[in-house]
Protein backbone atom coordinates (compact mmCIF):
# COMPACT_ATOMS: atom_id res chain seq x y z
CA UNK A 1 -8.05 -14.27 -11.59
CA UNK A 2 -7.30 -10.97 -10.48
CA UNK A 3 -9.06 -10.01 -7.33
CA UNK A 4 -11.56 -7.05 -7.40
CA UNK A 5 -11.32 -4.69 -5.20
CA UNK A 6 -14.43 -2.71 -3.38
CA UNK A 7 -14.87 0.72 -2.34
CA UNK A 8 -17.82 1.70 0.45
CA UNK A 9 -18.78 5.10 0.75
CA UNK A 10 -14.86 6.39 1.72
CA UNK A 11 -13.67 2.87 3.09
CA UNK A 12 -11.57 0.82 0.93
CA UNK A 13 -11.90 -2.39 2.92
CA UNK A 14 -12.69 -3.74 6.27
CA UNK A 15 -9.63 -2.68 8.27
CA UNK A 16 -10.46 0.73 6.84
CA UNK A 17 -13.85 0.90 8.42
CA UNK A 18 -12.46 -0.32 11.94
CA UNK A 19 -9.98 2.18 11.95
CA UNK A 20 -12.90 4.94 11.42
CA UNK A 21 -14.67 3.63 14.05
CA UNK A 22 -11.82 3.38 16.36
CA UNK A 23 -10.91 6.80 15.86
CA UNK A 24 -14.69 7.86 16.26
CA UNK A 25 -15.37 5.96 19.30
CA UNK A 26 -11.92 7.28 20.97
CA UNK A 27 -11.23 3.26 21.48
CA UNK A 28 -7.67 2.44 22.31
CA UNK A 29 -5.88 0.37 19.46
CA UNK A 30 -3.82 -1.51 21.50
CA UNK A 31 -6.62 -2.92 23.83
CA UNK A 32 -9.85 -2.95 21.57
CA UNK A 33 -12.95 -3.64 23.72
CA UNK A 34 -14.74 -6.29 21.03
CA UNK A 35 -17.66 -6.27 22.16
CA UNK A 36 -18.23 -2.24 21.65
CA UNK A 37 -16.52 -2.70 18.55
CA UNK A 38 -18.50 -5.80 16.85
CA UNK A 39 -21.83 -3.61 17.76
CA UNK A 40 -20.52 -0.52 15.85
CA UNK A 41 -19.20 -2.15 13.15
CA UNK A 42 -22.38 -4.07 12.48
CA UNK A 43 -24.35 -1.19 12.91
CA UNK A 44 -22.87 -0.15 9.73
CA UNK A 45 -23.05 -2.86 7.82
CA UNK A 46 -26.71 -3.21 8.84
CA UNK A 47 -26.77 0.82 7.20
CA UNK A 48 -25.36 -0.39 4.39
CA UNK A 49 -27.91 -2.76 3.74
CA UNK A 50 -30.71 -0.24 3.99
CA UNK A 51 -29.50 1.60 1.77
CA UNK A 52 -29.56 -1.18 -0.85
CA UNK A 53 -25.60 -0.59 -0.83
CA UNK A 54 -23.62 -3.43 -2.18
CA UNK A 55 -21.45 -5.25 0.95
CA UNK A 56 -18.31 -6.71 -0.41
CA UNK A 57 -17.39 -10.30 0.91
CA UNK A 58 -14.51 -8.87 2.92
CA UNK A 59 -17.03 -6.86 5.13
CA UNK A 60 -18.83 -9.65 5.73
CA UNK A 61 -15.90 -11.99 6.40
CA UNK A 62 -14.63 -9.59 9.06
CA UNK A 63 -17.92 -9.09 10.41
CA UNK A 64 -17.94 -12.95 11.15
CA UNK A 65 -14.50 -12.74 12.21
CA UNK A 66 -15.43 -10.32 14.82
CA UNK A 67 -18.39 -12.33 16.09
CA UNK A 68 -16.32 -15.43 16.63
CA UNK A 69 -13.76 -13.02 18.45
CA UNK A 70 -16.35 -12.01 20.52
CA UNK A 71 -18.30 -15.53 21.03
CA UNK A 72 -15.10 -17.38 21.93
CA UNK A 73 -14.32 -14.40 24.38
CA UNK A 74 -17.34 -15.42 26.23
CA UNK A 75 -15.96 -19.10 27.07
CA UNK A 76 -14.64 -19.88 30.51
CA UNK A 77 -11.01 -20.35 28.78
CA UNK A 78 -10.59 -17.43 26.41
CA UNK A 79 -7.03 -18.14 25.49
CA UNK A 80 -7.84 -18.27 21.53
CA UNK A 81 -10.06 -15.14 21.73
CA UNK A 82 -6.89 -13.39 22.90
CA UNK A 83 -4.51 -14.57 20.21
CA UNK A 84 -7.28 -13.46 17.81
CA UNK A 85 -7.48 -10.10 19.41
CA UNK A 86 -4.00 -9.36 19.51
CA UNK A 87 -3.70 -10.78 15.63
CA UNK A 88 -6.60 -8.16 14.77
CA UNK A 89 -5.02 -5.37 16.78
CA UNK A 90 -1.54 -6.06 14.76
CA UNK A 91 -3.08 -5.89 11.51
CA UNK A 92 -5.19 -2.66 12.57
CA UNK A 93 -1.81 -1.09 13.77
CA UNK A 94 0.19 -2.35 10.69
CA UNK A 95 -2.73 -1.06 8.54
CA UNK A 96 -2.83 2.54 10.22
CA UNK A 97 1.02 2.88 9.87
CA UNK A 98 0.62 2.36 6.15
CA UNK A 99 -2.02 4.84 5.74
CA UNK A 100 0.08 7.41 7.49
CA UNK A 101 3.24 6.55 5.25
CA UNK A 102 1.11 6.82 2.20
CA UNK A 103 -0.17 10.26 3.12
CA UNK A 104 3.39 11.64 3.50
CA UNK A 105 4.06 9.91 0.28
CA UNK A 106 0.94 11.88 -1.31
CA UNK A 107 2.36 15.28 0.27
CA UNK A 108 5.63 14.78 -1.53
CA UNK A 109 4.24 13.21 -5.04
CA UNK A 110 5.48 15.91 -7.95
CA UNK A 111 4.38 13.64 -11.05
CA UNK A 112 4.80 10.43 -12.16
CA UNK A 113 6.31 7.80 -9.82
CA UNK A 114 8.73 10.53 -8.41
CA UNK A 115 8.51 11.52 -4.73
CA UNK A 116 10.83 13.79 -2.48
CA UNK A 117 11.99 12.84 0.70
CA UNK A 118 12.87 15.16 3.66
CA UNK A 119 16.19 16.98 3.57
CA UNK A 120 18.51 14.96 5.78
CA UNK A 121 19.92 17.15 9.13
CA UNK A 122 23.36 17.03 8.97
CA UNK A 123 25.59 17.14 12.56
CA UNK A 124 28.60 19.62 12.37
CA UNK A 125 30.89 21.31 14.11
CA UNK A 126 31.04 25.15 13.76
CA UNK A 127 34.01 25.82 15.52
CA UNK A 128 36.91 27.38 13.65
CA UNK A 129 39.77 24.92 14.17
CA UNK A 130 42.11 26.73 11.97
CA UNK A 131 45.66 28.15 13.79
CA UNK A 132 47.06 31.36 12.16
CA UNK A 133 50.15 32.89 12.65
CA UNK A 134 49.49 36.05 14.67
CA UNK A 135 51.25 38.53 12.08
CA UNK A 136 48.79 37.11 9.56
CA UNK A 137 46.00 37.89 11.52
CA UNK A 138 47.72 41.61 12.31
CA UNK A 139 48.12 42.46 8.82
CA UNK A 140 44.88 41.00 7.93
CA UNK A 141 43.27 43.44 10.52
CA UNK A 142 45.05 46.56 9.84
CA UNK A 143 43.92 45.93 5.68
CA UNK A 144 40.45 46.05 6.88
CA UNK A 145 40.66 48.73 9.11
CA UNK A 146 42.69 51.35 6.70
CA UNK A 147 40.28 52.43 4.16
CA UNK A 148 41.35 52.51 0.87
CA UNK A 149 41.22 55.65 -1.12
CA UNK A 150 38.88 55.81 -3.99
CA UNK A 151 40.13 57.08 -7.59
CA UNK A 152 39.39 60.71 -8.49
CA UNK A 153 36.53 61.15 -10.48
CA UNK A 154 37.84 62.67 -13.99
CA UNK A 155 35.94 63.85 -16.96
CA UNK A 156 36.50 61.39 -18.83
CA UNK A 157 34.49 58.78 -16.95
CA UNK A 158 31.33 60.74 -18.42
CA UNK A 159 32.74 60.50 -22.04
CA UNK A 160 30.63 57.68 -22.80
CA UNK A 161 27.42 58.91 -21.22
CA UNK A 162 27.62 62.92 -22.10
CA UNK A 163 28.76 62.04 -25.92
CA UNK A 164 26.30 59.43 -26.70
CA UNK A 165 23.99 60.79 -29.55
CA UNK A 166 19.99 60.85 -28.57
CA UNK A 167 17.95 60.97 -31.68
CA UNK A 168 14.06 61.77 -31.16
CA UNK A 169 11.50 59.44 -33.00
CA UNK A 170 9.50 62.87 -34.04
CA UNK A 171 12.66 64.52 -36.04
CA UNK A 172 12.89 61.18 -37.84
CA UNK A 173 9.06 61.56 -39.00
CA UNK A 174 9.96 64.37 -40.27
CA UNK A 175 12.84 63.51 -42.06
CA UNK A 176 10.85 60.50 -43.62
CA UNK A 177 7.87 63.08 -44.70
CA UNK A 178 10.66 65.44 -46.28
CA UNK A 179 11.86 62.34 -48.50
CA UNK A 180 8.37 61.63 -49.39
CA UNK A 181 7.78 65.43 -50.03
CA UNK A 182 10.30 65.69 -52.31
CA UNK A 183 10.32 62.09 -54.04
CA UNK A 184 6.79 60.93 -53.93
CA UNK A 185 8.14 57.19 -53.56
CA UNK A 186 11.37 56.76 -51.60
CA UNK A 187 13.50 53.05 -51.37
CA UNK A 188 13.26 51.81 -47.68
CA UNK A 189 17.14 51.08 -47.92
CA UNK A 190 18.12 54.68 -48.82
CA UNK A 191 16.25 56.15 -45.51
CA UNK A 192 19.07 54.76 -43.96
CA UNK A 193 21.82 55.42 -45.99
CA UNK A 194 24.60 57.15 -44.03
CA UNK A 195 23.56 56.30 -40.61
CA UNK A 196 26.05 54.78 -38.29
CA UNK A 197 24.61 55.55 -34.79
CA UNK A 198 22.24 52.95 -33.69
CA UNK A 199 20.17 55.15 -32.09
CA UNK A 200 19.41 57.41 -35.02
CA UNK A 201 18.50 53.76 -37.00
CA UNK A 202 16.46 52.55 -34.29
CA UNK A 203 14.48 55.89 -34.55
CA UNK A 204 14.24 56.15 -38.43
CA UNK A 205 12.37 52.63 -37.82
CA UNK A 206 10.33 53.44 -35.04
CA UNK A 207 9.36 56.72 -37.11
CA UNK A 208 8.26 54.09 -40.33
CA UNK A 209 6.18 52.32 -38.18
CA UNK A 210 4.42 55.08 -36.45
CA UNK A 211 3.64 56.38 -39.70
CA UNK A 212 2.07 53.57 -41.02
CA UNK A 213 0.03 52.83 -37.99
CA UNK A 214 -1.46 56.41 -38.37
CA UNK A 215 -2.04 55.81 -42.09
CA UNK A 216 -0.25 59.03 -43.53
CA UNK A 217 1.88 56.29 -45.31
CA UNK A 218 2.23 52.76 -47.01
CA UNK A 219 4.53 50.23 -48.07
CA UNK A 220 5.02 48.20 -50.89
CA UNK A 221 4.04 44.69 -51.14
CA UNK A 222 7.59 43.68 -50.74
CA UNK A 223 8.30 46.33 -48.10
CA UNK A 224 10.92 47.83 -50.60
CA UNK A 225 9.45 51.40 -50.86
CA UNK A 226 7.53 53.42 -48.92
CA UNK A 227 4.97 56.13 -50.18
CA UNK A 228 2.11 58.20 -48.81
CA UNK A 229 -1.60 57.06 -48.61
CA UNK A 230 -3.54 58.84 -50.96
CA UNK A 231 -6.75 57.68 -49.39
CA UNK A 232 -5.38 59.00 -46.14
CA UNK A 233 -4.42 62.75 -46.96
CA UNK A 234 -3.34 65.04 -49.78
CA UNK A 235 0.35 65.50 -49.50
CA UNK A 236 -0.57 69.00 -49.85
CA UNK A 237 -2.58 68.89 -46.73
CA UNK A 238 0.16 67.06 -44.87
CA UNK A 239 2.51 70.14 -45.37
CA UNK A 240 0.13 72.44 -44.19
CA UNK A 241 -0.24 70.77 -41.22
């Protein structure tokens, strides 16, 4: 049968509660004053009972163990009490280390069951140990010291920039309107006839988008033809404007 785990308040077990009490009252985990720890532990158990909280059996078992250790320690020969105390201290130290490890893994958790470890520190010698021929060093130094002559700037360097044709969207809006004034309806493919320059084709396309956005022209259902939107303005009014 699977063992049921209880979680009371923020404590996941009696060892968790004991660690909390040791830290809260600044007790030495390597030399726990059992009498003081028993009083604090029982006080917490009593407060849970007063609040009608269900107390797990493992918490009560730890309470009985602490009381037994305290009782045995009062005997003239309390060797057994020392052994039980050392056993409890060992479990608490081991549990505290596990909690710290769990916190570190939680910080490195990145999803599913994957964690990332810290980068390993690699010791290396940064001393440059290669021995070069003096003549090679001299030639290298001279090559660095001498400033290389830059090639003179020629007119041909700007040909690609200066000769680039720039077509405005406004000019292509007028181009499309003139076609529609002359023909009424115009095929979309014919608008791009003879256009080999990319800038010109892009400007024409943007002009059509701008005209359809403003409602001055509309496209057919299959986007093959373009014509004036009669509900927007009459061609005569467009011509006047």
